[in-house]
């Protein structure tokens, strides 16, 4: 059984992304295609990383625009059959609803507060904090608008689960193994902590793809999670 991990394929080129995907898919449920890779190579990147494995694809485009534009953009990627497609919860209920209606076969995942933002960042943006309160407000708004999944940091996942109930998929970036560099993430936890708090899918990138053998790193992380 594969682990509930979405490996972020933040690769410098398409060949590397496809190679990483091939190495990790025996061990993880999902691979994530982000904005940079998608903009560089276009829709073909999804077929390249999916390969013949049938692995779930998390298309992380974080759509955020007026409802009509998001509806059109979501409809444009529907043919790629992503399992998850991200939008920003801050785009509001009408925008989220437009995405849900445009791609009924995908799970629209609403991004609450980016894991790179700390309390000082929220204050500078004029967002009423603290971060867990802002996340909880955006989560409730998104689910009411039809979002089937939410993206939040592992620090907030337990509170979000209490807010939205058991049927919404909770996706947590900002996951780092104990002792790993947090890099540009501000609100982080270990994979074991995130899973124990109630996360359904852990987004992990550089701790796996930056390893000398990404396949072995994914296998080791999957084995550790099975012990939780």
C-alpha atoms as a PDB file:
ATOM      1  CA  UNK A   1       0.000   0.000   0.000  1.00  0.00           C
ATOM      2  CA  UNK A   2       1.393   3.389  -0.995  1.00  0.00           C
ATOM      3  CA  UNK A   3       1.898   6.125   1.590  1.00  0.00           C
ATOM      4  CA  UNK A   4      -0.324   9.238   1.739  1.00  0.00           C
ATOM      5  CA  UNK A   5       2.447  11.443   0.382  1.00  0.00           C
ATOM      6  CA  UNK A   6       2.343  13.877  -2.552  1.00  0.00           C
ATOM      7  CA  UNK A   7       5.899  14.281  -3.793  1.00  0.00           C
ATOM      8  CA  UNK A   8       6.460  17.828  -5.035  1.00  0.00           C
ATOM      9  CA  UNK A   9       8.232  17.477  -8.370  1.00  0.00           C
ATOM     10  CA  UNK A  10       9.929  20.879  -8.307  1.00  0.00           C
ATOM     11  CA  UNK A  11      12.449  19.815 -10.936  1.00  0.00           C
ATOM     12  CA  UNK A  12      14.665  21.932 -13.195  1.00  0.00           C
ATOM     13  CA  UNK A  13      13.461  20.100 -16.324  1.00  0.00           C
ATOM     14  CA  UNK A  14      10.827  17.685 -17.538  1.00  0.00           C
ATOM     15  CA  UNK A  15      13.173  14.704 -17.755  1.00  0.00           C
ATOM     16  CA  UNK A  16      14.166  15.054 -14.102  1.00  0.00           C
ATOM     17  CA  UNK A  17      10.551  15.405 -13.007  1.00  0.00           C
ATOM     18  CA  UNK A  18       9.574  12.258 -14.917  1.00  0.00           C
ATOM     19  CA  UNK A  19      12.537  10.347 -13.485  1.00  0.00           C
ATOM     20  CA  UNK A  20      11.684  11.378  -9.928  1.00  0.00           C
ATOM     21  CA  UNK A  21       8.073  10.357 -10.498  1.00  0.00           C
ATOM     22  CA  UNK A  22       9.133   6.934 -11.751  1.00  0.00           C
ATOM     23  CA  UNK A  23      11.345   6.416  -8.698  1.00  0.00           C
ATOM     24  CA  UNK A  24       8.785   7.424  -6.071  1.00  0.00           C
ATOM     25  CA  UNK A  25       5.492   6.098  -7.457  1.00  0.00           C
ATOM     26  CA  UNK A  26       5.949   2.570  -6.093  1.00  0.00           C
ATOM     27  CA  UNK A  27       5.936   4.088  -2.599  1.00  0.00           C
ATOM     28  CA  UNK A  28       3.622   7.141  -2.624  1.00  0.00           C
ATOM     29  CA  UNK A  29       0.040   7.779  -3.698  1.00  0.00           C
ATOM     30  CA  UNK A  30       0.476  11.111  -5.431  1.00  0.00           C
ATOM     31  CA  UNK A  31       2.873  13.356  -7.357  1.00  0.00           C
ATOM     32  CA  UNK A  32       2.495  17.138  -7.348  1.00  0.00           C
ATOM     33  CA  UNK A  33       3.015  19.371 -10.359  1.00  0.00           C
ATOM     34  CA  UNK A  34       3.530  22.984  -9.331  1.00  0.00           C
ATOM     35  CA  UNK A  35       3.170  26.270 -11.143  1.00  0.00           C
ATOM     36  CA  UNK A  36       6.777  26.602 -12.304  1.00  0.00           C
ATOM     37  CA  UNK A  37       6.937  23.176 -13.969  1.00  0.00           C
ATOM     38  CA  UNK A  38       3.488  23.609 -15.514  1.00  0.00           C
ATOM     39  CA  UNK A  39       4.311  27.024 -16.959  1.00  0.00           C
ATOM     40  CA  UNK A  40       7.614  25.810 -18.355  1.00  0.00           C
ATOM     41  CA  UNK A  41       6.336  22.668 -20.080  1.00  0.00           C
ATOM     42  CA  UNK A  42       2.578  23.045 -20.278  1.00  0.00           C
ATOM     43  CA  UNK A  43      -0.063  20.329 -20.024  1.00  0.00           C
ATOM     44  CA  UNK A  44       2.302  17.654 -21.384  1.00  0.00           C
ATOM     45  CA  UNK A  45       4.039  17.581 -18.013  1.00  0.00           C
ATOM     46  CA  UNK A  46       1.058  15.817 -16.451  1.00  0.00           C
ATOM     47  CA  UNK A  47       1.229  12.863 -18.849  1.00  0.00           C
ATOM     48  CA  UNK A  48       5.008  12.710 -18.429  1.00  0.00           C
ATOM     49  CA  UNK A  49       4.917  12.386 -14.650  1.00  0.00           C
ATOM     50  CA  UNK A  50       1.841  10.166 -14.568  1.00  0.00           C
ATOM     51  CA  UNK A  51       3.433   7.661 -16.958  1.00  0.00           C
ATOM     52  CA  UNK A  52       1.864   4.230 -17.013  1.00  0.00           C
ATOM     53  CA  UNK A  53       1.625   3.998 -13.220  1.00  0.00           C
ATOM     54  CA  UNK A  54      -1.742   5.687 -12.852  1.00  0.00           C
ATOM     55  CA  UNK A  55      -0.427   7.633  -9.867  1.00  0.00           C
ATOM     56  CA  UNK A  56      -2.684  10.440  -8.640  1.00  0.00           C
ATOM     57  CA  UNK A  57      -1.676  13.882  -9.925  1.00  0.00           C
ATOM     58  CA  UNK A  58      -1.994  16.931  -7.706  1.00  0.00           C
ATOM     59  CA  UNK A  59      -2.084  19.957 -10.021  1.00  0.00           C
ATOM     60  CA  UNK A  60      -0.999  22.794  -7.758  1.00  0.00           C
ATOM     61  CA  UNK A  61      -1.765  25.935  -9.782  1.00  0.00           C
ATOM     62  CA  UNK A  62      -3.358  27.923  -6.922  1.00  0.00           C
ATOM     63  CA  UNK A  63      -5.887  29.621  -9.186  1.00  0.00           C
ATOM     64  CA  UNK A  64      -6.953  33.048  -7.886  1.00  0.00           C
ATOM     65  CA  UNK A  65      -8.951  35.368 -10.125  1.00  0.00           C
ATOM     66  CA  UNK A  66     -12.500  36.446 -10.822  1.00  0.00           C
ATOM     67  CA  UNK A  67     -14.956  33.515 -10.949  1.00  0.00           C
ATOM     68  CA  UNK A  68     -15.360  33.523 -14.745  1.00  0.00           C
ATOM     69  CA  UNK A  69     -11.600  33.365 -15.300  1.00  0.00           C
ATOM     70  CA  UNK A  70     -11.110  30.590 -12.755  1.00  0.00           C
ATOM     71  CA  UNK A  71     -14.008  28.652 -14.282  1.00  0.00           C
ATOM     72  CA  UNK A  72     -12.345  28.861 -17.705  1.00  0.00           C
ATOM     73  CA  UNK A  73      -8.906  27.958 -16.390  1.00  0.00           C
ATOM     74  CA  UNK A  74     -10.247  25.001 -14.422  1.00  0.00           C
ATOM     75  CA  UNK A  75     -12.190  23.795 -17.444  1.00  0.00           C
ATOM     76  CA  UNK A  76      -9.011  24.042 -19.525  1.00  0.00           C
ATOM     77  CA  UNK A  77      -7.122  21.622 -17.247  1.00  0.00           C
ATOM     78  CA  UNK A  78     -10.048  19.251 -16.655  1.00  0.00           C
ATOM     79  CA  UNK A  79      -8.951  17.103 -19.612  1.00  0.00           C
ATOM     80  CA  UNK A  80      -5.703  16.353 -17.747  1.00  0.00           C
ATOM     81  CA  UNK A  81      -7.780  14.475 -15.145  1.00  0.00           C
ATOM     82  CA  UNK A  82      -6.002  15.750 -12.033  1.00  0.00           C
ATOM     83  CA  UNK A  83      -7.064  14.169  -8.765  1.00  0.00           C
ATOM     84  CA  UNK A  84      -6.574  17.501  -6.997  1.00  0.00           C
ATOM     85  CA  UNK A  85      -6.571  21.072  -8.327  1.00  0.00           C
ATOM     86  CA  UNK A  86      -5.737  23.982  -6.034  1.00  0.00           C
ATOM     87  CA  UNK A  87      -7.380  27.384  -5.798  1.00  0.00           C
ATOM     88  CA  UNK A  88      -6.844  30.126  -3.215  1.00  0.00           C
ATOM     89  CA  UNK A  89      -9.583  30.207  -0.593  1.00  0.00           C
ATOM     90  CA  UNK A  90      -9.072  33.974  -0.417  1.00  0.00           C
ATOM     91  CA  UNK A  91     -10.619  34.204  -3.899  1.00  0.00           C
ATOM     92  CA  UNK A  92     -14.001  33.877  -2.218  1.00  0.00           C
ATOM     93  CA  UNK A  93     -17.016  31.572  -2.362  1.00  0.00           C
ATOM     94  CA  UNK A  94     -18.123  32.391  -5.921  1.00  0.00           C
ATOM     95  CA  UNK A  95     -14.653  31.691  -7.304  1.00  0.00           C
ATOM     96  CA  UNK A  96     -14.342  28.393  -5.429  1.00  0.00           C
ATOM     97  CA  UNK A  97     -17.805  27.343  -6.582  1.00  0.00           C
ATOM     98  CA  UNK A  98     -16.860  28.142 -10.189  1.00  0.00           C
ATOM     99  CA  UNK A  99     -13.867  25.802  -9.983  1.00  0.00           C
ATOM    100  CA  UNK A 100     -15.904  23.023  -8.382  1.00  0.00           C
ATOM    101  CA  UNK A 101     -18.516  23.242 -11.128  1.00  0.00           C
ATOM    102  CA  UNK A 102     -15.901  23.348 -13.904  1.00  0.00           C
ATOM    103  CA  UNK A 103     -14.011  20.203 -12.848  1.00  0.00           C
ATOM    104  CA  UNK A 104     -16.503  17.839 -11.201  1.00  0.00           C
ATOM    105  CA  UNK A 105     -14.141  14.865 -11.565  1.00  0.00           C
ATOM    106  CA  UNK A 106     -11.361  16.515  -9.522  1.00  0.00           C
ATOM    107  CA  UNK A 107     -11.211  17.431  -5.872  1.00  0.00           C
ATOM    108  CA  UNK A 108     -10.896  21.198  -5.616  1.00  0.00           C
ATOM    109  CA  UNK A 109      -8.387  21.911  -2.852  1.00  0.00           C
ATOM    110  CA  UNK A 110      -8.616  25.385  -1.341  1.00  0.00           C
ATOM    111  CA  UNK A 111      -5.353  26.851  -0.054  1.00  0.00           C
ATOM    112  CA  UNK A 112      -5.942  28.601   3.265  1.00  0.00           C
ATOM    113  CA  UNK A 113      -2.799  30.440   4.466  1.00  0.00           C
ATOM    114  CA  UNK A 114       0.499  29.703   2.742  1.00  0.00           C
ATOM    115  CA  UNK A 115       2.929  27.803   4.973  1.00  0.00           C
ATOM    116  CA  UNK A 116       5.633  30.376   4.194  1.00  0.00           C
ATOM    117  CA  UNK A 117       3.665  33.081   6.052  1.00  0.00           C
ATOM    118  CA  UNK A 118       4.185  33.801   9.732  1.00  0.00           C
ATOM    119  CA  UNK A 119       2.253  36.046  12.108  1.00  0.00           C
ATOM    120  CA  UNK A 120       4.199  39.166  11.101  1.00  0.00           C
ATOM    121  CA  UNK A 121       3.407  38.503   7.428  1.00  0.00           C
ATOM    122  CA  UNK A 122      -0.304  38.191   8.141  1.00  0.00           C
ATOM    123  CA  UNK A 123      -0.253  41.460  10.076  1.00  0.00           C
ATOM    124  CA  UNK A 124       1.539  43.202   7.206  1.00  0.00           C
ATOM    125  CA  UNK A 125      -1.092  41.896   4.788  1.00  0.00           C
ATOM    126  CA  UNK A 126      -3.911  43.147   6.986  1.00  0.00           C
ATOM    127  CA  UNK A 127      -5.211  39.630   7.660  1.00  0.00           C
ATOM    128  CA  UNK A 128      -6.714  39.229  11.095  1.00  0.00           C
ATOM    129  CA  UNK A 129      -4.775  36.575  12.973  1.00  0.00           C
ATOM    130  CA  UNK A 130      -3.432  34.640  14.634  1.00  0.00           C
ATOM    131  CA  UNK A 131      -2.720  32.215  11.796  1.00  0.00           C
ATOM    132  CA  UNK A 132      -4.850  29.327  13.135  1.00  0.00           C
ATOM    133  CA  UNK A 133      -7.901  31.607  13.302  1.00  0.00           C
ATOM    134  CA  UNK A 134      -7.359  32.885   9.754  1.00  0.00           C
ATOM    135  CA  UNK A 135      -6.900  29.333   8.489  1.00  0.00           C
ATOM    136  CA  UNK A 136     -10.066  28.150  10.223  1.00  0.00           C
ATOM    137  CA  UNK A 137     -12.150  31.008   8.783  1.00  0.00           C
ATOM    138  CA  UNK A 138     -10.924  30.366   5.248  1.00  0.00           C
ATOM    139  CA  UNK A 139     -11.405  26.615   5.625  1.00  0.00           C
ATOM    140  CA  UNK A 140     -15.046  26.993   6.669  1.00  0.00           C
ATOM    141  CA  UNK A 141     -15.706  29.458   3.835  1.00  0.00           C
ATOM    142  CA  UNK A 142     -14.157  27.144   1.240  1.00  0.00           C
ATOM    143  CA  UNK A 143     -16.016  24.027   2.362  1.00  0.00           C
ATOM    144  CA  UNK A 144     -19.304  25.932   2.393  1.00  0.00           C
ATOM    145  CA  UNK A 145     -18.554  26.879  -1.232  1.00  0.00           C
ATOM    146  CA  UNK A 146     -18.053  23.240  -2.233  1.00  0.00           C
ATOM    147  CA  UNK A 147     -14.310  22.617  -1.837  1.00  0.00           C
ATOM    148  CA  UNK A 148     -13.657  18.925  -1.176  1.00  0.00           C
ATOM    149  CA  UNK A 149     -10.109  19.411   0.103  1.00  0.00           C
ATOM    150  CA  UNK A 150      -8.146  22.017   2.025  1.00  0.00           C
ATOM    151  CA  UNK A 151      -4.470  22.916   2.139  1.00  0.00           C
ATOM    152  CA  UNK A 152      -3.224  24.018   5.540  1.00  0.00           C
ATOM    153  CA  UNK A 153      -0.040  23.754   7.560  1.00  0.00           C
ATOM    154  CA  UNK A 154       0.370  20.751   9.871  1.00  0.00           C
ATOM    155  CA  UNK A 155       0.229  23.177  12.799  1.00  0.00           C
ATOM    156  CA  UNK A 156      -3.442  23.917  12.026  1.00  0.00           C
ATOM    157  CA  UNK A 157      -4.655  20.568  10.752  1.00  0.00           C
ATOM    158  CA  UNK A 158      -6.240  19.403  14.024  1.00  0.00           C
ATOM    159  CA  UNK A 159      -8.205  22.641  14.409  1.00  0.00           C
ATOM    160  CA  UNK A 160      -9.296  22.533  10.767  1.00  0.00           C
ATOM    161  CA  UNK A 161     -10.439  18.927  11.145  1.00  0.00           C
ATOM    162  CA  UNK A 162     -12.552  19.954  14.130  1.00  0.00           C
ATOM    163  CA  UNK A 163     -13.988  22.817  12.068  1.00  0.00           C
ATOM    164  CA  UNK A 164     -14.912  20.959   8.862  1.00  0.00           C
ATOM    165  CA  UNK A 165     -15.474  17.356   9.968  1.00  0.00           C
ATOM    166  CA  UNK A 166     -14.190  14.022   8.685  1.00  0.00           C
ATOM    167  CA  UNK A 167     -15.210  14.098   5.024  1.00  0.00           C
ATOM    168  CA  UNK A 168     -12.893  16.846   3.755  1.00  0.00           C
ATOM    169  CA  UNK A 169      -9.406  15.847   2.576  1.00  0.00           C
ATOM    170  CA  UNK A 170      -6.733  17.778   4.489  1.00  0.00           C
ATOM    171  CA  UNK A 171      -3.482  18.325   2.615  1.00  0.00           C
ATOM    172  CA  UNK A 172      -0.444  19.552   4.514  1.00  0.00           C
ATOM    173  CA  UNK A 173       2.668  21.136   3.026  1.00  0.00           C
ATOM    174  CA  UNK A 174       5.393  22.334   5.382  1.00  0.00           C
ATOM    175  CA  UNK A 175       6.248  18.736   6.257  1.00  0.00           C
ATOM    176  CA  UNK A 176       9.889  18.088   7.102  1.00  0.00           C
ATOM    177  CA  UNK A 177      11.565  15.045   8.669  1.00  0.00           C
ATOM    178  CA  UNK A 178      13.107  15.677  12.088  1.00  0.00           C
ATOM    179  CA  UNK A 179      16.380  17.561  11.698  1.00  0.00           C
ATOM    180  CA  UNK A 180      15.739  18.672   8.109  1.00  0.00           C
ATOM    181  CA  UNK A 181      16.217  22.270   6.981  1.00  0.00           C
ATOM    182  CA  UNK A 182      12.881  24.132   7.025  1.00  0.00           C
ATOM    183  CA  UNK A 183      14.045  26.311   4.064  1.00  0.00           C
ATOM    184  CA  UNK A 184      11.242  28.766   3.097  1.00  0.00           C
ATOM    185  CA  UNK A 185       8.576  27.172   5.286  1.00  0.00           C
ATOM    186  CA  UNK A 186       7.531  28.961   8.481  1.00  0.00           C
ATOM    187  CA  UNK A 187       4.951  26.591   9.989  1.00  0.00           C
ATOM    188  CA  UNK A 188       6.263  23.038   9.825  1.00  0.00           C
ATOM    189  CA  UNK A 189       5.985  19.595  11.439  1.00  0.00           C
ATOM    190  CA  UNK A 190       7.402  16.122  10.915  1.00  0.00           C
ATOM    191  CA  UNK A 191       5.486  13.639   8.716  1.00  0.00           C
ATOM    192  CA  UNK A 192       4.548  11.583  11.770  1.00  0.00           C
ATOM    193  CA  UNK A 193       3.233  14.662  13.622  1.00  0.00           C
ATOM    194  CA  UNK A 194       1.173  15.795  10.616  1.00  0.00           C
ATOM    195  CA  UNK A 195      -0.406  12.378  10.125  1.00  0.00           C
ATOM    196  CA  UNK A 196      -1.157  11.984  13.819  1.00  0.00           C
ATOM    197  CA  UNK A 197      -2.820  15.412  13.857  1.00  0.00           C
ATOM    198  CA  UNK A 198      -5.296  14.303  11.189  1.00  0.00           C
ATOM    199  CA  UNK A 199      -3.732  15.081   7.792  1.00  0.00           C
ATOM    200  CA  UNK A 200      -4.814  12.902   4.867  1.00  0.00           C
ATOM    201  CA  UNK A 201      -2.061  13.798   2.374  1.00  0.00           C
ATOM    202  CA  UNK A 202       1.429  15.112   3.150  1.00  0.00           C
ATOM    203  CA  UNK A 203       3.213  17.294   0.601  1.00  0.00           C
ATOM    204  CA  UNK A 204       6.936  16.547   0.716  1.00  0.00           C
ATOM    205  CA  UNK A 205       9.451  17.755  -1.836  1.00  0.00           C
ATOM    206  CA  UNK A 206      13.125  18.381  -1.236  1.00  0.00           C
ATOM    207  CA  UNK A 207      13.597  15.859   1.603  1.00  0.00           C
ATOM    208  CA  UNK A 208      12.746  13.214  -1.021  1.00  0.00           C
ATOM    209  CA  UNK A 209      13.758  14.706  -4.380  1.00  0.00           C
ATOM    210  CA  UNK A 210      16.969  16.195  -2.987  1.00  0.00           C
ATOM    211  CA  UNK A 211      18.129  12.844  -1.631  1.00  0.00           C
ATOM    212  CA  UNK A 212      20.853  10.885  -3.480  1.00  0.00           C
ATOM    213  CA  UNK A 213      18.214   8.206  -4.187  1.00  0.00           C
ATOM    214  CA  UNK A 214      14.685   9.710  -4.211  1.00  0.00           C
ATOM    215  CA  UNK A 215      13.114   6.264  -4.476  1.00  0.00           C
ATOM    216  CA  UNK A 216      14.890   5.028  -1.362  1.00  0.00           C
ATOM    217  CA  UNK A 217      14.013   8.244   0.502  1.00  0.00           C
ATOM    218  CA  UNK A 218      10.338   7.849  -0.432  1.00  0.00           C
ATOM    219  CA  UNK A 219      10.386   4.180   0.633  1.00  0.00           C
ATOM    220  CA  UNK A 220      11.953   5.047   4.002  1.00  0.00           C
ATOM    221  CA  UNK A 221       9.422   7.803   4.650  1.00  0.00           C
ATOM    222  CA  UNK A 222       6.535   5.525   3.665  1.00  0.00           C
ATOM    223  CA  UNK A 223       7.802   2.835   6.038  1.00  0.00           C
ATOM    224  CA  UNK A 224       8.054   5.361   8.882  1.00  0.00           C
ATOM    225  CA  UNK A 225       4.476   6.499   8.299  1.00  0.00           C
ATOM    226  CA  UNK A 226       3.172   2.940   8.352  1.00  0.00           C
ATOM    227  CA  UNK A 227       4.464   2.706  11.922  1.00  0.00           C
ATOM    228  CA  UNK A 228       2.428   5.716  13.059  1.00  0.00           C
END
